[in-house]
Full PDB file with SEQRES, HELIX, SHEET, SSBOND, CRYST1, ORIGX, SCALE, CONECT and MASTER records, all heavy atoms in Angstrom:
SEQRES   1 A   38  LEU ILE CYS GLY ALA THR GLY THR GLY LYS THR VAL THR          
SEQRES   2 A   38  LEU ARG TYR LEU VAL GLU GLN LEU ASN ARG ARG ASN ILE          
SEQRES   3 A   38  ALA THR LEU VAL THR ASP LEU LYS GLY ASP LEU SER              
HELIX    1 AA1 LYS A   10  ARG A   23  1                                  14    
CRYST1    1.000    1.000    1.000  90.00  90.00  90.00 P 1           1          
ORIGX1      1.000000  0.000000  0.000000        0.00000                         
ORIGX2      0.000000  1.000000  0.000000        0.00000                         
ORIGX3      0.000000  0.000000  1.000000        0.00000                         
SCALE1      1.000000  0.000000  0.000000        0.00000                         
SCALE2      0.000000  1.000000  0.000000        0.00000                         
SCALE3      0.000000  0.000000  1.000000        0.00000                         
ATOM      1  N   LEU A   1       8.534   7.030 -25.862  1.00  0.00           N  
ATOM      2  CA  LEU A   1       9.203   6.061 -26.726  1.00  0.00           C  
ATOM      3  C   LEU A   1       9.372   6.674 -28.107  1.00  0.00           C  
ATOM      4  O   LEU A   1       8.409   7.218 -28.672  1.00  0.00           O  
ATOM      5  CB  LEU A   1       8.363   4.779 -26.828  1.00  0.00           C  
ATOM      6  CG  LEU A   1       8.880   3.691 -27.779  1.00  0.00           C  
ATOM      7  CD1 LEU A   1      10.154   3.060 -27.228  1.00  0.00           C  
ATOM      8  CD2 LEU A   1       7.809   2.619 -28.001  1.00  0.00           C  
ATOM      9  N   ILE A   2      10.593   6.626 -28.631  1.00  0.00           N  
ATOM     10  CA  ILE A   2      10.868   6.978 -30.024  1.00  0.00           C  
ATOM     11  C   ILE A   2      11.351   5.703 -30.697  1.00  0.00           C  
ATOM     12  O   ILE A   2      12.354   5.116 -30.285  1.00  0.00           O  
ATOM     13  CB  ILE A   2      11.927   8.084 -30.153  1.00  0.00           C  
ATOM     14  CG1 ILE A   2      11.475   9.354 -29.424  1.00  0.00           C  
ATOM     15  CG2 ILE A   2      12.207   8.388 -31.623  1.00  0.00           C  
ATOM     16  CD1 ILE A   2      12.516  10.460 -29.405  1.00  0.00           C  
ATOM     17  N   CYS A   3      10.629   5.280 -31.705  1.00  0.00           N  
ATOM     18  CA  CYS A   3      10.855   3.948 -32.250  1.00  0.00           C  
ATOM     19  C   CYS A   3      10.880   4.015 -33.773  1.00  0.00           C  
ATOM     20  O   CYS A   3      10.236   4.862 -34.388  1.00  0.00           O  
ATOM     21  CB  CYS A   3       9.721   3.035 -31.773  1.00  0.00           C  
ATOM     22  SG  CYS A   3      10.059   1.292 -31.871  1.00  0.00           S  
ATOM     23  N   GLY A   4      11.624   3.103 -34.402  1.00  0.00           N  
ATOM     24  CA  GLY A   4      11.642   3.032 -35.855  1.00  0.00           C  
ATOM     25  C   GLY A   4      12.872   2.328 -36.374  1.00  0.00           C  
ATOM     26  O   GLY A   4      13.887   2.205 -35.679  1.00  0.00           O  
ATOM     27  N   ALA A   5      12.789   1.858 -37.600  1.00  0.00           N  
ATOM     28  CA  ALA A   5      13.901   1.141 -38.212  1.00  0.00           C  
ATOM     29  C   ALA A   5      15.069   2.090 -38.467  1.00  0.00           C  
ATOM     30  O   ALA A   5      14.919   3.316 -38.472  1.00  0.00           O  
ATOM     31  CB  ALA A   5      13.437   0.493 -39.518  1.00  0.00           C  
ATOM     32  N   THR A   6      16.240   1.504 -38.706  1.00  0.00           N  
ATOM     33  CA  THR A   6      17.425   2.293 -39.019  1.00  0.00           C  
ATOM     34  C   THR A   6      17.182   3.160 -40.253  1.00  0.00           C  
ATOM     35  O   THR A   6      16.654   2.694 -41.260  1.00  0.00           O  
ATOM     36  CB  THR A   6      18.619   1.359 -39.269  1.00  0.00           C  
ATOM     37  OG1 THR A   6      18.856   0.581 -38.087  1.00  0.00           O  
ATOM     38  CG2 THR A   6      19.869   2.149 -39.609  1.00  0.00           C  
ATOM     39  N   GLY A   7      17.561   4.445 -40.161  1.00  0.00           N  
ATOM     40  CA  GLY A   7      17.449   5.341 -41.298  1.00  0.00           C  
ATOM     41  C   GLY A   7      16.103   5.988 -41.492  1.00  0.00           C  
ATOM     42  O   GLY A   7      15.889   6.673 -42.505  1.00  0.00           O  
ATOM     43  N   THR A   8      15.184   5.843 -40.549  1.00  0.00           N  
ATOM     44  CA  THR A   8      13.844   6.419 -40.719  1.00  0.00           C  
ATOM     45  C   THR A   8      13.696   7.790 -40.073  1.00  0.00           C  
ATOM     46  O   THR A   8      12.659   8.436 -40.234  1.00  0.00           O  
ATOM     47  CB  THR A   8      12.774   5.474 -40.137  1.00  0.00           C  
ATOM     48  OG1 THR A   8      13.063   5.224 -38.753  1.00  0.00           O  
ATOM     49  CG2 THR A   8      12.747   4.153 -40.892  1.00  0.00           C  
ATOM     50  N   GLY A   9      14.709   8.239 -39.326  1.00  0.00           N  
ATOM     51  CA  GLY A   9      14.685   9.591 -38.781  1.00  0.00           C  
ATOM     52  C   GLY A   9      14.485   9.708 -37.293  1.00  0.00           C  
ATOM     53  O   GLY A   9      14.305  10.813 -36.779  1.00  0.00           O  
ATOM     54  N   LYS A  10      14.564   8.598 -36.554  1.00  0.00           N  
ATOM     55  CA  LYS A  10      14.273   8.693 -35.123  1.00  0.00           C  
ATOM     56  C   LYS A  10      15.332   9.494 -34.369  1.00  0.00           C  
ATOM     57  O   LYS A  10      15.020  10.186 -33.397  1.00  0.00           O  
ATOM     58  CB  LYS A  10      14.087   7.310 -34.500  1.00  0.00           C  
ATOM     59  CG  LYS A  10      15.260   6.374 -34.551  1.00  0.00           C  
ATOM     60  CD  LYS A  10      14.899   5.042 -33.903  1.00  0.00           C  
ATOM     61  CE  LYS A  10      16.085   4.072 -33.896  1.00  0.00           C  
ATOM     62  NZ  LYS A  10      16.456   3.655 -35.260  1.00  0.00           N  
ATOM     63  N   THR A  11      16.610   9.440 -34.826  1.00  0.00           N  
ATOM     64  CA  THR A  11      17.650  10.210 -34.150  1.00  0.00           C  
ATOM     65  C   THR A  11      17.460  11.703 -34.377  1.00  0.00           C  
ATOM     66  O   THR A  11      17.729  12.517 -33.490  1.00  0.00           O  
ATOM     67  CB  THR A  11      19.047   9.768 -34.630  1.00  0.00           C  
ATOM     68  OG1 THR A  11      19.207   8.362 -34.384  1.00  0.00           O  
ATOM     69  CG2 THR A  11      20.137  10.513 -33.885  1.00  0.00           C  
ATOM     70  N   VAL A  12      16.995  12.089 -35.564  1.00  0.00           N  
ATOM     71  CA  VAL A  12      16.714  13.503 -35.829  1.00  0.00           C  
ATOM     72  C   VAL A  12      15.536  13.969 -34.971  1.00  0.00           C  
ATOM     73  O   VAL A  12      15.532  15.091 -34.453  1.00  0.00           O  
ATOM     74  CB  VAL A  12      16.430  13.723 -37.330  1.00  0.00           C  
ATOM     75  CG1 VAL A  12      16.063  15.183 -37.589  1.00  0.00           C  
ATOM     76  CG2 VAL A  12      17.648  13.327 -38.164  1.00  0.00           C  
ATOM     77  N   THR A  13      14.538  13.116 -34.790  1.00  0.00           N  
ATOM     78  CA  THR A  13      13.420  13.450 -33.905  1.00  0.00           C  
ATOM     79  C   THR A  13      13.906  13.650 -32.481  1.00  0.00           C  
ATOM     80  O   THR A  13      13.517  14.602 -31.798  1.00  0.00           O  
ATOM     81  CB  THR A  13      12.360  12.330 -33.952  1.00  0.00           C  
ATOM     82  OG1 THR A  13      11.874  12.202 -35.285  1.00  0.00           O  
ATOM     83  CG2 THR A  13      11.209  12.620 -33.012  1.00  0.00           C  
ATOM     84  N   LEU A  14      14.759  12.760 -32.016  1.00  0.00           N  
ATOM     85  CA  LEU A  14      15.353  12.896 -30.680  1.00  0.00           C  
ATOM     86  C   LEU A  14      16.065  14.241 -30.573  1.00  0.00           C  
ATOM     87  O   LEU A  14      15.902  14.969 -29.586  1.00  0.00           O  
ATOM     88  CB  LEU A  14      16.325  11.742 -30.443  1.00  0.00           C  
ATOM     89  CG  LEU A  14      17.102  11.654 -29.129  1.00  0.00           C  
ATOM     90  CD1 LEU A  14      17.563  10.220 -28.897  1.00  0.00           C  
ATOM     91  CD2 LEU A  14      18.324  12.559 -29.110  1.00  0.00           C  
ATOM     92  N   ARG A  15      16.870  14.579 -31.584  1.00  0.00           N  
ATOM     93  CA  ARG A  15      17.639  15.822 -31.580  1.00  0.00           C  
ATOM     94  C   ARG A  15      16.713  17.038 -31.441  1.00  0.00           C  
ATOM     95  O   ARG A  15      16.958  17.930 -30.618  1.00  0.00           O  
ATOM     96  CB  ARG A  15      18.445  15.918 -32.877  1.00  0.00           C  
ATOM     97  CG  ARG A  15      19.213  17.226 -33.045  1.00  0.00           C  
ATOM     98  CD  ARG A  15      19.733  17.342 -34.463  1.00  0.00           C  
ATOM     99  NE  ARG A  15      20.700  16.313 -34.751  1.00  0.00           N  
ATOM    100  CZ  ARG A  15      22.011  16.436 -34.539  1.00  0.00           C  
ATOM    101  NH1 ARG A  15      22.496  17.562 -34.047  1.00  0.00           N  
ATOM    102  NH2 ARG A  15      22.837  15.454 -34.842  1.00  0.00           N  
ATOM    103  N   TYR A  16      15.655  17.067 -32.238  1.00  0.00           N  
ATOM    104  CA  TYR A  16      14.747  18.215 -32.197  1.00  0.00           C  
ATOM    105  C   TYR A  16      14.060  18.326 -30.836  1.00  0.00           C  
ATOM    106  O   TYR A  16      13.918  19.427 -30.281  1.00  0.00           O  
ATOM    107  CB  TYR A  16      13.700  18.089 -33.309  1.00  0.00           C  
ATOM    108  CG  TYR A  16      12.621  19.127 -33.211  1.00  0.00           C  
ATOM    109  CD1 TYR A  16      12.889  20.469 -33.492  1.00  0.00           C  
ATOM    110  CD2 TYR A  16      11.332  18.781 -32.801  1.00  0.00           C  
ATOM    111  CE1 TYR A  16      11.896  21.435 -33.377  1.00  0.00           C  
ATOM    112  CE2 TYR A  16      10.339  19.741 -32.691  1.00  0.00           C  
ATOM    113  CZ  TYR A  16      10.623  21.063 -32.976  1.00  0.00           C  
ATOM    114  OH  TYR A  16       9.650  22.021 -32.858  1.00  0.00           O  
ATOM    115  N   LEU A  17      13.648  17.202 -30.282  1.00  0.00           N  
ATOM    116  CA  LEU A  17      12.973  17.221 -28.991  1.00  0.00           C  
ATOM    117  C   LEU A  17      13.913  17.724 -27.893  1.00  0.00           C  
ATOM    118  O   LEU A  17      13.512  18.515 -27.016  1.00  0.00           O  
ATOM    119  CB  LEU A  17      12.462  15.815 -28.663  1.00  0.00           C  
ATOM    120  CG  LEU A  17      11.469  15.654 -27.520  1.00  0.00           C  
ATOM    121  CD1 LEU A  17      10.309  16.630 -27.639  1.00  0.00           C  
ATOM    122  CD2 LEU A  17      10.963  14.218 -27.467  1.00  0.00           C  
ATOM    123  N   VAL A  18      15.173  17.314 -27.941  1.00  0.00           N  
ATOM    124  CA  VAL A  18      16.173  17.786 -26.974  1.00  0.00           C  
ATOM    125  C   VAL A  18      16.371  19.290 -27.108  1.00  0.00           C  
ATOM    126  O   VAL A  18      16.457  20.023 -26.104  1.00  0.00           O  
ATOM    127  CB  VAL A  18      17.501  17.029 -27.173  1.00  0.00           C  
ATOM    128  CG1 VAL A  18      18.638  17.686 -26.384  1.00  0.00           C  
ATOM    129  CG2 VAL A  18      17.353  15.571 -26.756  1.00  0.00           C  
ATOM    130  N   GLU A  19      16.443  19.781 -28.340  1.00  0.00           N  
ATOM    131  CA  GLU A  19      16.590  21.220 -28.561  1.00  0.00           C  
ATOM    132  C   GLU A  19      15.433  22.001 -27.942  1.00  0.00           C  
ATOM    133  O   GLU A  19      15.630  23.028 -27.277  1.00  0.00           O  
ATOM    134  CB  GLU A  19      16.640  21.513 -30.061  1.00  0.00           C  
ATOM    135  CG  GLU A  19      17.868  21.002 -30.778  1.00  0.00           C  
ATOM    136  CD  GLU A  19      17.776  21.217 -32.280  1.00  0.00           C  
ATOM    137  OE1 GLU A  19      16.747  21.750 -32.767  1.00  0.00           O  
ATOM    138  OE2 GLU A  19      18.739  20.853 -32.984  1.00  0.00           O  
ATOM    139  N   GLN A  20      14.232  21.503 -28.154  1.00  0.00           N  
ATOM    140  CA  GLN A  20      13.057  22.206 -27.649  1.00  0.00           C  
ATOM    141  C   GLN A  20      12.996  22.207 -26.123  1.00  0.00           C  
ATOM    142  O   GLN A  20      12.574  23.198 -25.509  1.00  0.00           O  
ATOM    143  CB  GLN A  20      11.787  21.584 -28.238  1.00  0.00           C  
ATOM    144  CG  GLN A  20      11.609  21.847 -29.722  1.00  0.00           C  
ATOM    145  CD  GLN A  20      11.556  23.323 -30.046  1.00  0.00           C  
ATOM    146  OE1 GLN A  20      10.754  24.059 -29.472  1.00  0.00           O  
ATOM    147  NE2 GLN A  20      12.417  23.778 -30.940  1.00  0.00           N  
ATOM    148  N   LEU A  21      13.417  21.143 -25.504  1.00  0.00           N  
ATOM    149  CA  LEU A  21      13.467  21.114 -24.039  1.00  0.00           C  
ATOM    150  C   LEU A  21      14.512  22.091 -23.523  1.00  0.00           C  
ATOM    151  O   LEU A  21      14.309  22.756 -22.501  1.00  0.00           O  
ATOM    152  CB  LEU A  21      13.762  19.694 -23.559  1.00  0.00           C  
ATOM    153  CG  LEU A  21      12.621  18.697 -23.753  1.00  0.00           C  
ATOM    154  CD1 LEU A  21      13.093  17.274 -23.480  1.00  0.00           C  
ATOM    155  CD2 LEU A  21      11.431  19.036 -22.869  1.00  0.00           C  
ATOM    156  N   ASN A  22      15.626  22.207 -24.231  1.00  0.00           N  
ATOM    157  CA  ASN A  22      16.644  23.169 -23.817  1.00  0.00           C  
ATOM    158  C   ASN A  22      16.122  24.595 -23.924  1.00  0.00           C  
ATOM    159  O   ASN A  22      16.408  25.440 -23.064  1.00  0.00           O  
ATOM    160  CB  ASN A  22      17.901  23.003 -24.670  1.00  0.00           C  
ATOM    161  CG  ASN A  22      19.020  23.927 -24.223  1.00  0.00           C  
ATOM    162  OD1 ASN A  22      19.231  24.993 -24.805  1.00  0.00           O  
ATOM    163  ND2 ASN A  22      19.717  23.545 -23.175  1.00  0.00           N  
ATOM    164  N   ARG A  23      15.356  24.894 -24.966  1.00  0.00           N  
ATOM    165  CA  ARG A  23      14.758  26.227 -25.099  1.00  0.00           C  
ATOM    166  C   ARG A  23      13.832  26.532 -23.921  1.00  0.00           C  
ATOM    167  O   ARG A  23      13.599  27.704 -23.599  1.00  0.00           O  
ATOM    168  CB  ARG A  23      13.979  26.334 -26.406  1.00  0.00           C  
ATOM    169  CG  ARG A  23      14.855  26.334 -27.674  1.00  0.00           C  
ATOM    170  CD  ARG A  23      13.971  26.494 -28.892  1.00  0.00           C  
ATOM    171  NE  ARG A  23      14.699  26.355 -30.136  1.00  0.00           N  
ATOM    172  CZ  ARG A  23      15.364  27.330 -30.749  1.00  0.00           C  
ATOM    173  NH1 ARG A  23      15.402  28.530 -30.197  1.00  0.00           N  
ATOM    174  NH2 ARG A  23      15.973  27.116 -31.905  1.00  0.00           N  
ATOM    175  N   ARG A  24      13.325  25.513 -23.281  1.00  0.00           N  
ATOM    176  CA  ARG A  24      12.429  25.684 -22.130  1.00  0.00           C  
ATOM    177  C   ARG A  24      13.172  25.535 -20.811  1.00  0.00           C  
ATOM    178  O   ARG A  24      12.557  25.389 -19.756  1.00  0.00           O  
ATOM    179  CB  ARG A  24      11.277  24.667 -22.233  1.00  0.00           C  
ATOM    180  CG  ARG A  24      10.307  25.021 -23.358  1.00  0.00           C  
ATOM    181  CD  ARG A  24       9.545  23.805 -23.865  1.00  0.00           C  
ATOM    182  NE  ARG A  24       8.576  24.192 -24.898  1.00  0.00           N  
ATOM    183  CZ  ARG A  24       8.907  24.472 -26.162  1.00  0.00           C  
ATOM    184  NH1 ARG A  24      10.175  24.372 -26.554  1.00  0.00           N  
ATOM    185  NH2 ARG A  24       7.992  24.821 -27.046  1.00  0.00           N  
ATOM    186  N   ASN A  25      14.504  25.556 -20.882  1.00  0.00           N  
ATOM    187  CA  ASN A  25      15.359  25.499 -19.694  1.00  0.00           C  
ATOM    188  C   ASN A  25      15.191  24.204 -18.907  1.00  0.00           C  
ATOM    189  O   ASN A  25      15.326  24.177 -17.680  1.00  0.00           O  
ATOM    190  CB  ASN A  25      15.117  26.704 -18.776  1.00  0.00           C  
ATOM    191  CG  ASN A  25      16.307  26.980 -17.866  1.00  0.00           C  
ATOM    192  OD1 ASN A  25      17.459  26.847 -18.276  1.00  0.00           O  
ATOM    193  ND2 ASN A  25      16.041  27.337 -16.616  1.00  0.00           N  
ATOM    194  N   ILE A  26      14.887  23.115 -19.615  1.00  0.00           N  
ATOM    195  CA  ILE A  26      14.783  21.795 -18.994  1.00  0.00           C  
ATOM    196  C   ILE A  26      16.032  20.999 -19.355  1.00  0.00           C  
ATOM    197  O   ILE A  26      16.357  20.839 -20.537  1.00  0.00           O  
ATOM    198  CB  ILE A  26      13.515  21.062 -19.474  1.00  0.00           C  
ATOM    199  CG1 ILE A  26      12.271  21.834 -19.040  1.00  0.00           C  
ATOM    200  CG2 ILE A  26      13.473  19.629 -18.928  1.00  0.00           C  
ATOM    201  CD1 ILE A  26      10.979  21.322 -19.662  1.00  0.00           C  
ATOM    202  N   ALA A  27      16.742  20.523 -18.352  1.00  0.00           N  
ATOM    203  CA  ALA A  27      17.981  19.792 -18.583  1.00  0.00           C  
ATOM    204  C   ALA A  27      17.704  18.427 -19.203  1.00  0.00           C  
ATOM    205  O   ALA A  27      16.666  17.804 -18.935  1.00  0.00           O  
ATOM    206  CB  ALA A  27      18.750  19.615 -17.270  1.00  0.00           C  
ATOM    207  N   THR A  28      18.630  17.971 -20.029  1.00  0.00           N  
ATOM    208  CA  THR A  28      18.496  16.657 -20.654  1.00  0.00           C  
ATOM    209  C   THR A  28      19.823  15.918 -20.564  1.00  0.00           C  
ATOM    210  O   THR A  28      20.896  16.528 -20.570  1.00  0.00           O  
ATOM    211  CB  THR A  28      18.100  16.775 -22.139  1.00  0.00           C  
ATOM    212  OG1 THR A  28      19.011  17.655 -22.815  1.00  0.00           O  
ATOM    213  CG2 THR A  28      16.695  17.302 -22.288  1.00  0.00           C  
ATOM    214  N   LEU A  29      19.737  14.614 -20.486  1.00  0.00           N  
ATOM    215  CA  LEU A  29      20.905  13.726 -20.606  1.00  0.00           C  
ATOM    216  C   LEU A  29      20.602  12.759 -21.733  1.00  0.00           C  
ATOM    217  O   LEU A  29      19.610  12.017 -21.682  1.00  0.00           O  
ATOM    218  CB  LEU A  29      21.168  12.966 -19.310  1.00  0.00           C  
ATOM    219  CG  LEU A  29      22.245  11.867 -19.410  1.00  0.00           C  
ATOM    220  CD1 LEU A  29      23.607  12.465 -19.733  1.00  0.00           C  
ATOM    221  CD2 LEU A  29      22.322  11.037 -18.135  1.00  0.00           C  
ATOM    222  N   VAL A  30      21.446  12.777 -22.758  1.00  0.00           N  
ATOM    223  CA  VAL A  30      21.246  11.964 -23.951  1.00  0.00           C  
ATOM    224  C   VAL A  30      22.408  10.992 -24.079  1.00  0.00           C  
ATOM    225  O   VAL A  30      23.569  11.408 -24.059  1.00  0.00           O  
ATOM    226  CB  VAL A  30      21.170  12.846 -25.219  1.00  0.00           C  
ATOM    227  CG1 VAL A  30      20.811  12.004 -26.433  1.00  0.00           C  
ATOM    228  CG2 VAL A  30      20.192  13.987 -25.028  1.00  0.00           C  
ATOM    229  N   THR A  31      22.118   9.716 -24.192  1.00  0.00           N  
ATOM    230  CA  THR A  31      23.176   8.744 -24.447  1.00  0.00           C  
ATOM    231  C   THR A  31      23.244   8.494 -25.949  1.00  0.00           C  
ATOM    232  O   THR A  31      22.223   8.373 -26.621  1.00  0.00           O  
ATOM    233  CB  THR A  31      22.926   7.423 -23.703  1.00  0.00           C  
ATOM    234  OG1 THR A  31      21.730   6.812 -24.184  1.00  0.00           O  
ATOM    235  CG2 THR A  31      22.808   7.663 -22.202  1.00  0.00           C  
ATOM    236  N   ASP A  32      24.461   8.451 -26.462  1.00  0.00           N  
ATOM    237  CA  ASP A  32      24.686   8.425 -27.904  1.00  0.00           C  
ATOM    238  C   ASP A  32      25.638   7.283 -28.242  1.00  0.00           C  
ATOM    239  O   ASP A  32      26.851   7.417 -28.105  1.00  0.00           O  
ATOM    240  CB  ASP A  32      25.271   9.776 -28.334  1.00  0.00           C  
ATOM    241  CG  ASP A  32      25.549   9.866 -29.822  1.00  0.00           C  
ATOM    242  OD1 ASP A  32      25.044   9.013 -30.569  1.00  0.00           O  
ATOM    243  OD2 ASP A  32      26.266  10.800 -30.230  1.00  0.00           O  
ATOM    244  N   LEU A  33      25.069   6.165 -28.691  1.00  0.00           N  
ATOM    245  CA  LEU A  33      25.911   4.991 -28.993  1.00  0.00           C  
ATOM    246  C   LEU A  33      26.579   5.084 -30.355  1.00  0.00           C  
ATOM    247  O   LEU A  33      27.556   4.385 -30.602  1.00  0.00           O  
ATOM    248  CB  LEU A  33      25.068   3.715 -28.921  1.00  0.00           C  
ATOM    249  CG  LEU A  33      25.159   2.932 -27.620  1.00  0.00           C  
ATOM    250  CD1 LEU A  33      24.318   1.671 -27.697  1.00  0.00           C  
ATOM    251  CD2 LEU A  33      26.595   2.555 -27.298  1.00  0.00           C  
ATOM    252  N   LYS A  34      26.065   5.912 -31.232  1.00  0.00           N  
ATOM    253  CA  LYS A  34      26.658   6.015 -32.568  1.00  0.00           C  
ATOM    254  C   LYS A  34      27.632   7.184 -32.674  1.00  0.00           C  
ATOM    255  O   LYS A  34      28.341   7.312 -33.677  1.00  0.00           O  
ATOM    256  CB  LYS A  34      25.554   6.145 -33.616  1.00  0.00           C  
ATOM    257  CG  LYS A  34      24.634   4.923 -33.689  1.00  0.00           C  
ATOM    258  CD  LYS A  34      23.552   5.072 -34.727  1.00  0.00           C  
ATOM    259  CE  LYS A  34      22.469   6.032 -34.289  1.00  0.00           C  
ATOM    260  NZ  LYS A  34      21.662   5.536 -33.162  1.00  0.00           N  
ATOM    261  N   GLY A  35      27.658   8.053 -31.701  1.00  0.00           N  
ATOM    262  CA  GLY A  35      28.594   9.166 -31.711  1.00  0.00           C  
ATOM    263  C   GLY A  35      28.262  10.240 -32.725  1.00  0.00           C  
ATOM    264  O   GLY A  35      29.171  10.931 -33.205  1.00  0.00           O  
ATOM    265  N   ASP A  36      26.981  10.446 -33.053  1.00  0.00           N  
ATOM    266  CA  ASP A  36      26.628  11.396 -34.113  1.00  0.00           C  
ATOM    267  C   ASP A  36      25.753  12.554 -33.645  1.00  0.00           C  
ATOM    268  O   ASP A  36      25.141  13.233 -34.459  1.00  0.00           O  
ATOM    269  CB  ASP A  36      25.946  10.670 -35.275  1.00  0.00           C  
ATOM    270  CG  ASP A  36      24.705   9.891 -34.842  1.00  0.00           C  
ATOM    271  OD1 ASP A  36      24.343   9.961 -33.651  1.00  0.00           O  
ATOM    272  OD2 ASP A  36      24.119   9.204 -35.698  1.00  0.00           O  
ATOM    273  N   LEU A  37      25.695  12.812 -32.331  1.00  0.00           N  
ATOM    274  CA  LEU A  37      24.827  13.875 -31.829  1.00  0.00           C  
ATOM    275  C   LEU A  37      25.575  15.097 -31.306  1.00  0.00           C  
ATOM    276  O   LEU A  37      24.944  16.052 -30.852  1.00  0.00           O  
ATOM    277  CB  LEU A  37      23.917  13.333 -30.725  1.00  0.00           C  
ATOM    278  CG  LEU A  37      22.746  12.463 -31.194  1.00  0.00           C  
ATOM    279  CD1 LEU A  37      22.067  11.799 -30.009  1.00  0.00           C  
ATOM    280  CD2 LEU A  37      21.734  13.289 -31.980  1.00  0.00           C  
ATOM    281  N   SER A  38      26.896  15.094 -31.371  1.00  0.00           N  
ATOM    282  CA  SER A  38      27.659  16.223 -30.824  1.00  0.00           C  
ATOM    283  C   SER A  38      27.406  17.508 -31.592  1.00  0.00           C  
ATOM    284  O   SER A  38      27.660  18.607 -31.083  1.00  0.00           O  
ATOM    285  CB  SER A  38      29.163  15.902 -30.820  1.00  0.00           C  
ATOM    286  OG  SER A  38      29.614  15.585 -32.125  1.00  0.00           O  
TER     287      SER A  38                                                      
MASTER        0    0    0    1    0    0    0    6  286    1    0    3          
END                                                                             
């Protein structure tokens, strides 16, 4: 669970965690309702 109010950094945390999983050759599927993760 990644949780927090708007503007507290949870999307950046999600981004970093996805990057690290990719470095370990683990596939990820991320849904992006705000359109800001491309």
